[in-house]
N, C-alpha and C. Protein backbone atom coordinates (compact mmCIF):
# COMPACT_ATOMS: atom_id res chain seq x y z
N MET A 1 0.81 -1.28 -0.01
CA MET A 1 0.14 -0.11 0.04
C MET A 1 0.73 1.15 -0.11
N CYS A 2 -0.06 2.30 -0.37
CA CYS A 2 1.04 3.70 -0.61
C CYS A 2 1.55 4.08 0.98
N GLU A 3 2.39 4.64 1.39
CA GLU A 3 2.91 4.89 2.70
C GLU A 3 2.58 6.69 3.13
N GLN A 4 1.30 7.00 2.00
CA GLN A 4 1.22 8.69 2.41
C GLN A 4 -0.71 8.62 2.11
N ASN A 5 -1.27 9.55 2.89
CA ASN A 5 -2.38 9.48 2.50
C ASN A 5 -3.38 8.43 3.19
N TYR A 6 -3.01 7.84 4.11
CA TYR A 6 -3.63 6.75 4.80
C TYR A 6 -5.31 7.33 5.12
N ILE A 7 -6.33 6.63 5.32
CA ILE A 7 -7.37 6.76 6.08
C ILE A 7 -7.77 5.66 7.12
N GLU A 8 -8.64 5.90 7.92
CA GLU A 8 -9.34 4.61 8.54
C GLU A 8 -10.60 4.15 7.85
N GLY A 9 -10.74 2.43 7.87
CA GLY A 9 -11.84 2.37 7.08
C GLY A 9 -11.81 0.56 7.11
N GLY A 10 -12.91 0.19 6.46
CA GLY A 10 -12.90 -1.17 5.66
C GLY A 10 -13.36 -1.98 7.32
N SER A 11 -13.44 -3.26 7.51
CA SER A 11 -14.27 -3.69 8.22
C SER A 11 -13.60 -4.16 9.35
N LYS A 12 -12.38 -4.13 9.63
CA LYS A 12 -11.78 -4.40 11.10
C LYS A 12 -11.00 -2.78 11.15
N GLY A 13 -11.37 -1.63 10.83
CA GLY A 13 -10.50 -0.42 11.16
C GLY A 13 -9.55 0.16 10.46
N GLN A 14 -8.83 -1.15 9.23
CA GLN A 14 -7.55 -1.00 8.94
C GLN A 14 -7.50 0.31 8.16
N ARG A 15 -6.02 0.40 8.14
CA ARG A 15 -5.91 1.74 7.37
C ARG A 15 -5.42 1.28 5.94
N PHE A 16 -5.91 2.54 4.91
CA PHE A 16 -5.90 2.17 3.57
C PHE A 16 -5.51 3.67 3.04
N CYS A 17 -4.69 3.34 1.78
CA CYS A 17 -4.89 4.56 1.00
C CYS A 17 -6.07 4.81 0.27
N PRO A 18 -6.50 6.19 -0.21
CA PRO A 18 -8.26 6.46 -0.60
C PRO A 18 -8.19 5.36 -2.10
N THR A 19 -6.77 5.69 -2.80
CA THR A 19 -6.85 4.84 -4.08
C THR A 19 -6.69 3.34 -3.91
N LEU A 20 -6.29 2.89 -2.50
CA LEU A 20 -6.46 1.66 -2.57
C LEU A 20 -5.22 0.85 -3.28
N CYS A 21 -3.98 1.25 -3.58
CA CYS A 21 -3.10 0.98 -4.18
C CYS A 21 -2.33 -0.51 -3.92
N ILE A 22 -1.68 -0.96 -4.63
CA ILE A 22 -1.18 -2.34 -4.50
C ILE A 22 0.05 -2.06 -5.41
N HIS A 23 1.08 -2.09 -4.79
CA HIS A 23 2.22 -2.33 -5.55
C HIS A 23 2.82 -3.77 -5.85
N MET A 24 3.13 -4.36 -7.01
CA MET A 24 3.77 -5.36 -7.49
C MET A 24 4.58 -5.11 -8.83
N SER A 25 5.41 -6.08 -9.05
CA SER A 25 6.08 -6.19 -9.96
C SER A 25 5.68 -7.01 -11.07
N PHE A 26 5.42 -6.47 -12.19
CA PHE A 26 4.72 -7.09 -13.48
C PHE A 26 5.59 -6.80 -14.52
N ARG A 27 6.12 -8.07 -15.33
CA ARG A 27 7.18 -7.40 -16.33
C ARG A 27 7.69 -6.06 -16.20
N SER A 28 8.56 -6.01 -14.81
CA SER A 28 9.28 -5.14 -14.46
C SER A 28 8.63 -3.66 -14.46
N SER A 29 7.36 -3.49 -14.44
CA SER A 29 6.86 -2.29 -14.32
C SER A 29 5.87 -2.19 -13.03
N HIS A 30 5.46 -1.03 -12.31
CA HIS A 30 4.91 -0.86 -11.38
C HIS A 30 3.60 -0.77 -11.83
N LEU A 31 2.37 -1.50 -10.72
CA LEU A 31 1.46 -1.32 -11.24
C LEU A 31 0.67 -0.76 -9.87
N CYS A 32 -0.38 -0.34 -10.04
CA CYS A 32 -0.98 0.28 -8.83
C CYS A 32 -2.66 -0.12 -9.13
N PHE A 33 -3.19 -1.13 -8.34
CA PHE A 33 -4.65 -1.77 -8.62
C PHE A 33 -5.49 -0.85 -7.88
N VAL A 34 -6.50 -0.25 -8.37
CA VAL A 34 -7.36 0.40 -7.83
C VAL A 34 -8.76 -0.82 -7.43
N TYR A 35 -8.84 -0.55 -6.41
CA TYR A 35 -10.27 -1.50 -5.89
C TYR A 35 -10.12 -3.02 -6.13
N SER A 36 -10.92 -3.90 -5.41
CA SER A 36 -10.55 -5.06 -5.47
C SER A 36 -11.62 -5.67 -6.58
N MET A 37 -11.49 -6.83 -6.86
CA MET A 37 -12.59 -7.71 -7.97
C MET A 37 -13.69 -8.48 -6.96
N PRO A 38 -14.66 -8.24 -6.91
CA PRO A 38 -15.87 -9.01 -6.39
C PRO A 38 -15.44 -10.52 -6.79
N LYS A 39 -15.43 -11.46 -6.08
CA LYS A 39 -15.49 -13.07 -6.42
C LYS A 39 -16.55 -13.40 -6.12
N ILE A 40 -17.39 -14.38 -7.00
CA ILE A 40 -18.45 -15.18 -6.58
C ILE A 40 -18.07 -16.32 -6.76
N ILE A 41 -18.04 -17.28 -6.07
CA ILE A 41 -18.08 -18.80 -6.45
C ILE A 41 -19.21 -19.64 -6.03
N ILE A 42 -19.97 -20.27 -6.78
CA ILE A 42 -21.28 -20.52 -6.43
C ILE A 42 -21.12 -22.23 -7.05
N HIS A 43 -21.47 -23.28 -5.78
CA HIS A 43 -21.18 -24.54 -6.12
C HIS A 43 -22.84 -24.84 -5.82
N THR A 44 -23.17 -25.80 -6.50
CA THR A 44 -24.40 -26.22 -6.18
C THR A 44 -24.67 -27.86 -6.95
N ASN A 45 -25.67 -28.72 -6.41
CA ASN A 45 -25.89 -29.77 -6.71
C ASN A 45 -26.84 -29.95 -7.97
N ILE A 46 -27.58 -28.59 -8.38
CA ILE A 46 -28.13 -28.26 -9.49
C ILE A 46 -27.56 -28.86 -10.91
N LYS A 47 -28.30 -29.56 -11.79
CA LYS A 47 -27.47 -29.94 -13.07
C LYS A 47 -27.63 -28.80 -13.84
N ASN A 48 -26.57 -28.32 -14.54
CA ASN A 48 -26.03 -27.58 -15.21
C ASN A 48 -27.34 -27.20 -16.40
N GLU A 49 -28.05 -27.63 -16.89
CA GLU A 49 -29.36 -27.87 -17.75
C GLU A 49 -30.57 -27.21 -17.08
N ASP A 50 -30.42 -27.19 -15.55
CA ASP A 50 -31.65 -26.52 -14.70
C ASP A 50 -31.32 -25.40 -14.43
N ILE A 51 -30.15 -24.61 -14.81
CA ILE A 51 -29.51 -23.37 -14.08
C ILE A 51 -29.65 -22.69 -15.36
N PRO A 52 -30.56 -21.01 -14.94
CA PRO A 52 -30.93 -20.57 -16.30
C PRO A 52 -29.38 -20.31 -17.40
N ASP A 53 -29.52 -19.81 -18.61
CA ASP A 53 -28.20 -19.60 -19.16
C ASP A 53 -27.85 -18.41 -18.91
N ASP A 54 -28.37 -17.36 -18.69
CA ASP A 54 -27.96 -15.89 -18.15
C ASP A 54 -27.83 -15.78 -16.87
N PHE A 55 -27.59 -16.85 -16.09
CA PHE A 55 -27.79 -17.04 -14.46
C PHE A 55 -26.11 -15.97 -14.05
N GLU A 56 -25.01 -16.04 -14.30
CA GLU A 56 -23.85 -15.75 -14.26
C GLU A 56 -23.98 -13.74 -14.60
N GLU A 57 -24.55 -13.59 -15.58
CA GLU A 57 -24.60 -12.32 -15.84
C GLU A 57 -25.77 -11.58 -14.32
N LYS A 58 -26.62 -12.50 -14.48
CA LYS A 58 -27.57 -11.97 -13.58
C LYS A 58 -27.04 -11.87 -12.01
N VAL A 59 -26.15 -12.77 -11.51
CA VAL A 59 -25.34 -12.76 -10.19
C VAL A 59 -24.83 -11.73 -10.18
N ALA A 60 -23.92 -11.36 -11.45
CA ALA A 60 -22.94 -9.88 -11.21
C ALA A 60 -23.64 -8.92 -11.05
N GLN A 61 -24.85 -8.95 -11.80
CA GLN A 61 -25.85 -7.51 -11.96
C GLN A 61 -26.08 -7.42 -10.28
N LYS A 62 -26.56 -8.39 -9.89
CA LYS A 62 -26.98 -8.71 -8.28
C LYS A 62 -26.28 -7.90 -7.35
N VAL A 63 -24.95 -8.85 -7.57
CA VAL A 63 -23.60 -8.23 -6.40
C VAL A 63 -23.31 -6.62 -7.10
N SER A 64 -23.34 -6.44 -8.33
CA SER A 64 -23.10 -4.93 -8.38
C SER A 64 -23.79 -3.98 -7.75
N ASP A 65 -25.28 -4.50 -7.89
CA ASP A 65 -26.37 -3.64 -6.95
C ASP A 65 -26.20 -3.52 -5.78
N VAL A 66 -25.81 -4.46 -5.09
CA VAL A 66 -25.74 -4.65 -3.45
C VAL A 66 -24.60 -3.91 -3.30
N VAL A 67 -22.93 -4.42 -3.82
CA VAL A 67 -22.55 -3.80 -2.79
C VAL A 67 -21.47 -2.88 -3.64
N GLY A 68 -22.03 -2.28 -4.79
CA GLY A 68 -21.65 -1.21 -5.45
C GLY A 68 -20.46 -0.96 -6.41
N TYR A 69 -19.96 -2.11 -6.92
CA TYR A 69 -19.08 -2.07 -8.04
C TYR A 69 -19.72 -2.32 -9.11
N PRO A 70 -18.84 -1.93 -10.14
CA PRO A 70 -19.59 -2.02 -11.28
C PRO A 70 -19.20 -3.23 -11.73
N ILE A 71 -20.37 -3.92 -12.74
CA ILE A 71 -20.15 -5.12 -13.20
C ILE A 71 -19.06 -5.78 -13.98
N GLU A 72 -18.59 -4.42 -14.47
CA GLU A 72 -17.41 -5.26 -15.43
C GLU A 72 -15.81 -5.75 -14.47
N ILE A 73 -16.21 -5.60 -13.02
CA ILE A 73 -15.25 -5.92 -12.43
C ILE A 73 -15.50 -7.15 -11.58
N ILE A 74 -16.70 -7.36 -11.77
CA ILE A 74 -17.19 -8.67 -10.80
C ILE A 74 -16.74 -10.03 -11.51
N TYR A 75 -16.50 -11.14 -10.87
CA TYR A 75 -15.91 -12.16 -11.15
C TYR A 75 -16.89 -13.14 -10.85
N VAL A 76 -17.69 -14.21 -11.84
CA VAL A 76 -18.67 -15.09 -11.15
C VAL A 76 -18.06 -16.38 -11.82
N SER A 77 -18.33 -17.65 -10.80
CA SER A 77 -17.93 -18.80 -11.37
C SER A 77 -18.79 -20.00 -10.93
N VAL A 78 -19.52 -20.47 -11.44
CA VAL A 78 -20.63 -21.51 -11.33
C VAL A 78 -20.29 -23.09 -11.46
N THR A 79 -20.15 -23.81 -10.32
CA THR A 79 -19.65 -25.33 -10.93
C THR A 79 -20.92 -25.82 -10.35
N PRO A 80 -21.77 -26.37 -11.35
CA PRO A 80 -22.83 -27.37 -10.95
C PRO A 80 -22.67 -28.76 -10.87
N GLY A 81 -23.74 -29.16 -10.34
CA GLY A 81 -23.86 -30.50 -10.50
C GLY A 81 -22.78 -31.35 -9.40
N ASP A 82 -22.10 -30.50 -8.21
CA ASP A 82 -21.26 -31.01 -7.43
C ASP A 82 -22.39 -32.05 -6.18
N ARG A 83 -21.40 -32.90 -5.82
CA ARG A 83 -22.00 -33.92 -4.81
C ARG A 83 -21.91 -32.91 -3.63
N MET A 84 -22.95 -32.93 -3.07
CA MET A 84 -23.26 -31.99 -2.07
C MET A 84 -24.20 -32.62 -1.32
N ILE A 85 -23.82 -32.04 0.45
CA ILE A 85 -25.06 -32.69 1.30
C ILE A 85 -25.18 -31.49 2.57
N HIS A 86 -26.40 -31.37 2.81
CA HIS A 86 -26.43 -30.42 3.63
C HIS A 86 -27.42 -30.68 4.37
N ASN A 87 -27.13 -30.50 5.97
CA ASN A 87 -28.42 -30.96 6.87
C ASN A 87 -29.04 -32.54 6.76
N GLY A 88 -27.65 -33.27 6.38
CA GLY A 88 -28.36 -34.77 5.73
C GLY A 88 -29.13 -35.03 4.99
N SER A 89 -29.22 -34.10 3.81
CA SER A 89 -30.11 -34.23 2.85
C SER A 89 -29.49 -33.96 1.34
N ARG A 90 -29.49 -34.41 0.23
CA ARG A 90 -29.03 -34.26 -1.31
C ARG A 90 -29.94 -33.47 -2.09
N ASP A 91 -30.82 -32.95 -1.53
CA ASP A 91 -31.57 -32.09 -2.03
C ASP A 91 -31.11 -30.81 -2.86
N PRO A 92 -31.61 -30.30 -3.72
CA PRO A 92 -31.16 -29.11 -4.29
C PRO A 92 -30.46 -28.08 -3.59
N MET A 93 -29.15 -27.44 -3.67
CA MET A 93 -28.70 -26.50 -2.64
C MET A 93 -27.61 -25.89 -3.27
N ALA A 94 -27.27 -24.67 -2.72
CA ALA A 94 -26.09 -23.99 -3.46
C ALA A 94 -25.66 -22.88 -1.87
N PHE A 95 -24.16 -23.36 -2.49
CA PHE A 95 -23.27 -22.51 -1.56
C PHE A 95 -22.27 -21.45 -2.37
N VAL A 96 -22.68 -20.30 -1.74
CA VAL A 96 -22.29 -19.14 -2.35
C VAL A 96 -21.10 -18.71 -1.70
N ASP A 97 -20.09 -18.46 -2.26
CA ASP A 97 -18.59 -17.94 -1.69
C ASP A 97 -18.53 -16.25 -2.30
N ILE A 98 -18.70 -15.61 -1.55
CA ILE A 98 -18.53 -13.95 -1.94
C ILE A 98 -17.56 -13.54 -1.06
N ASP A 99 -16.24 -13.11 -1.84
CA ASP A 99 -15.36 -12.09 -1.11
C ASP A 99 -14.88 -10.67 -2.06
N THR A 100 -14.92 -9.71 -1.19
CA THR A 100 -14.51 -8.60 -1.90
C THR A 100 -13.84 -7.97 -0.82
N ALA A 101 -12.98 -6.64 -0.98
CA ALA A 101 -12.07 -5.96 -0.23
C ALA A 101 -13.10 -4.59 0.45
N LEU A 102 -13.20 -4.44 1.72
CA LEU A 102 -13.41 -2.99 2.70
C LEU A 102 -15.13 -3.05 2.46
N LYS A 103 -15.94 -4.53 2.14
CA LYS A 103 -17.47 -3.83 2.20
C LYS A 103 -18.24 -4.92 2.90
N PHE A 104 -17.68 -6.00 3.55
CA PHE A 104 -18.25 -7.19 4.47
C PHE A 104 -17.81 -6.80 5.86
N ASN A 105 -18.56 -6.55 7.08
CA ASN A 105 -18.53 -6.40 8.36
C ASN A 105 -19.89 -7.20 9.00
N GLU A 106 -19.95 -6.93 10.22
CA GLU A 106 -20.92 -7.43 10.63
C GLU A 106 -21.91 -6.76 11.00
N GLU A 107 -22.14 -5.33 10.36
CA GLU A 107 -23.01 -4.59 10.68
C GLU A 107 -23.91 -4.44 9.14
N VAL A 108 -23.11 -4.54 8.19
CA VAL A 108 -23.68 -4.58 7.02
C VAL A 108 -24.17 -6.14 6.32
N ASN A 109 -23.74 -7.03 7.03
CA ASN A 109 -24.07 -8.73 6.48
C ASN A 109 -24.91 -8.84 6.60
N PRO A 110 -26.11 -8.62 7.57
CA PRO A 110 -27.29 -9.10 7.44
C PRO A 110 -28.10 -8.18 6.37
N GLY A 111 -27.87 -7.44 6.18
CA GLY A 111 -28.79 -6.41 4.89
C GLY A 111 -28.12 -6.92 3.68
N TYR A 112 -27.05 -7.26 3.68
CA TYR A 112 -26.57 -8.22 2.19
C TYR A 112 -27.27 -9.36 2.22
N THR A 113 -27.34 -10.15 3.42
CA THR A 113 -28.09 -11.16 3.42
C THR A 113 -29.19 -11.49 2.91
N VAL A 114 -30.18 -10.55 3.07
CA VAL A 114 -31.76 -10.43 2.94
C VAL A 114 -31.61 -10.52 1.35
N LYS A 115 -31.00 -9.72 0.92
CA LYS A 115 -30.97 -9.33 -0.53
C LYS A 115 -30.44 -10.79 -1.74
N PHE A 116 -29.14 -11.30 -0.67
CA PHE A 116 -28.63 -12.10 -1.75
C PHE A 116 -29.66 -13.76 -1.68
N GLN A 117 -30.11 -13.54 -0.35
CA GLN A 117 -31.07 -15.03 -0.22
C GLN A 117 -32.28 -14.87 -1.19
N GLU A 118 -32.92 -13.46 -1.33
CA GLU A 118 -34.18 -13.39 -1.96
C GLU A 118 -33.57 -13.94 -3.88
N PHE A 119 -32.64 -13.16 -3.48
CA PHE A 119 -32.03 -13.57 -4.99
C PHE A 119 -31.65 -14.70 -5.47
N PHE A 120 -30.91 -15.34 -4.71
CA PHE A 120 -30.96 -17.07 -5.38
C PHE A 120 -31.54 -18.03 -4.85
N THR A 121 -32.44 -17.83 -4.02
CA THR A 121 -33.40 -18.73 -3.94
C THR A 121 -34.53 -18.56 -5.07
N LYS A 122 -35.02 -17.65 -5.78
CA LYS A 122 -35.81 -17.41 -6.62
C LYS A 122 -35.09 -18.00 -8.20
N ALA A 123 -33.63 -17.41 -8.34
CA ALA A 123 -33.02 -17.87 -9.41
C ALA A 123 -32.62 -19.16 -9.43
N LEU A 124 -32.42 -20.16 -8.33
CA LEU A 124 -32.18 -21.36 -8.65
C LEU A 124 -33.30 -22.23 -7.99
N ASN A 125 -34.13 -21.68 -7.74
CA ASN A 125 -35.39 -22.35 -7.51
C ASN A 125 -35.32 -23.35 -6.25
N ILE A 126 -34.66 -22.57 -5.31
CA ILE A 126 -34.29 -23.45 -3.73
C ILE A 126 -34.83 -22.90 -2.75
N PRO A 127 -35.07 -23.82 -2.02
CA PRO A 127 -35.75 -23.19 -0.37
C PRO A 127 -34.92 -22.52 0.42
N LEU A 128 -35.10 -21.57 1.33
CA LEU A 128 -34.06 -20.58 1.99
C LEU A 128 -33.17 -21.64 2.76
N SER A 129 -33.83 -22.66 3.39
CA SER A 129 -32.92 -23.51 4.08
C SER A 129 -31.96 -24.59 3.24
N ARG A 130 -31.79 -24.08 2.13
CA ARG A 130 -30.84 -25.06 1.02
C ARG A 130 -30.08 -24.31 0.29
N LEU A 131 -29.56 -22.57 1.10
CA LEU A 131 -28.81 -21.71 0.61
C LEU A 131 -28.19 -21.70 1.66
N VAL A 132 -26.53 -21.55 1.74
CA VAL A 132 -25.64 -20.92 2.50
C VAL A 132 -24.70 -19.80 2.19
N LEU A 133 -24.95 -19.13 2.40
CA LEU A 133 -23.54 -17.48 1.91
C LEU A 133 -22.42 -17.74 2.39
N HIS A 134 -21.24 -17.26 2.08
CA HIS A 134 -20.38 -17.19 3.22
C HIS A 134 -19.53 -15.88 2.37
N TYR A 135 -19.64 -14.95 3.50
CA TYR A 135 -18.73 -13.95 2.97
C TYR A 135 -17.27 -14.05 3.61
N HIS A 136 -16.50 -13.21 2.78
CA HIS A 136 -14.98 -13.37 2.97
C HIS A 136 -14.36 -11.61 2.37
N ASP A 137 -14.08 -11.01 3.98
CA ASP A 137 -13.82 -9.64 3.69
C ASP A 137 -12.17 -9.77 3.14
N ALA A 138 -11.93 -9.60 2.11
CA ALA A 138 -10.37 -9.67 1.45
C ALA A 138 -9.80 -8.65 1.67
N LYS A 139 -8.31 -9.03 1.30
CA LYS A 139 -7.57 -7.53 1.48
C LYS A 139 -7.52 -7.08 -0.02
N VAL A 140 -6.99 -5.90 -0.28
CA VAL A 140 -7.19 -5.59 -1.50
C VAL A 140 -5.66 -6.29 -2.00
N SER A 141 -4.81 -6.30 -1.05
CA SER A 141 -3.50 -6.78 -1.76
C SER A 141 -3.60 -8.48 -2.30
N ASP A 142 -5.00 -9.39 -1.92
CA ASP A 142 -5.10 -10.61 -1.95
C ASP A 142 -5.60 -10.52 -3.86
N TYR A 143 -5.82 -9.53 -4.67
CA TYR A 143 -5.86 -9.44 -5.69
C TYR A 143 -4.95 -9.22 -6.73
N GLY A 144 -4.94 -9.73 -7.61
CA GLY A 144 -3.78 -9.17 -9.20
C GLY A 144 -4.70 -9.31 -10.14
N VAL A 145 -4.90 -8.19 -11.08
CA VAL A 145 -5.37 -8.11 -12.28
C VAL A 145 -5.08 -6.81 -12.83
N TYR A 146 -4.78 -7.18 -14.38
CA TYR A 146 -4.67 -6.14 -14.91
C TYR A 146 -5.87 -5.50 -15.75
N ARG A 147 -6.45 -4.01 -15.45
CA ARG A 147 -7.43 -3.82 -16.18
C ARG A 147 -7.30 -2.32 -17.07
N ARG A 148 -7.96 -2.18 -18.35
CA ARG A 148 -7.20 -0.84 -18.98
C ARG A 148 -8.76 -1.61 -20.06
N ALA A 149 -8.89 -0.20 -20.70
CA ALA A 149 -9.97 -0.07 -21.64
C ALA A 149 -9.66 -0.85 -22.84
N PRO A 150 -10.25 -1.19 -23.87
CA PRO A 150 -11.63 -1.00 -23.74
C PRO A 150 -12.53 -1.94 -22.94
N GLU A 151 -11.57 -3.18 -22.46
CA GLU A 151 -12.37 -4.04 -21.49
C GLU A 151 -13.18 -3.55 -20.30
N TYR A 152 -12.34 -2.48 -19.59
CA TYR A 152 -12.84 -2.02 -18.22
C TYR A 152 -13.19 -0.55 -18.72
N LYS A 153 -14.59 0.03 -18.31
CA LYS A 153 -15.26 1.55 -18.78
C LYS A 153 -14.88 2.50 -17.83
N HIS A 154 -14.32 1.81 -16.54
CA HIS A 154 -14.67 2.79 -15.36
C HIS A 154 -12.93 3.12 -15.16
N GLU A 155 -12.63 4.26 -15.53
CA GLU A 155 -11.15 4.62 -15.26
C GLU A 155 -10.30 4.44 -13.98
N GLN A 156 -11.36 4.72 -12.66
CA GLN A 156 -11.34 4.65 -11.55
C GLN A 156 -10.61 3.25 -11.14
N TYR A 157 -11.23 2.23 -11.83
CA TYR A 157 -10.69 0.87 -11.73
C TYR A 157 -9.59 0.22 -12.50
N PHE A 158 -9.15 1.06 -13.38
CA PHE A 158 -7.67 0.54 -14.25
C PHE A 158 -6.69 0.35 -13.38
N SER A 159 -5.86 -0.55 -13.48
CA SER A 159 -4.57 -0.71 -13.00
C SER A 159 -3.55 0.64 -13.58
N GLN A 160 -2.78 1.01 -12.97
CA GLN A 160 -1.54 2.04 -13.21
C GLN A 160 -0.46 1.38 -14.05
């Protein structure tokens, strides 16, 4: 992180640079990544053919709406057909891992949970008792991506 302009914030009161810089070596150049990449990994025992074709896009849009990042920096991976058991049952279920930096904490997670539960139970046609959400408050330095136009539209998310 930058050694200047620190402010207090994050889920654990950590200090960070307002530009959320991460300094890495990449082909001998200095990069500064702005913000993290929300990552959503969905494991489900639902068959691929029973998941809507546009499910990943809808997940990315929902995460964008809930946590406030543009859809272009959100990564979604769905693993259908997993062998899973929950509460002694193999009935259709989903385990959703969501991680991003500086967004999750005990104060805001309950509100996120309500929104995500409504979305995932409807989108996957599963009962609320068959959905598990797991939030990960990652560090910005846990990510390494290269972002530039034209794939990325929001300049504040470009790597330097």
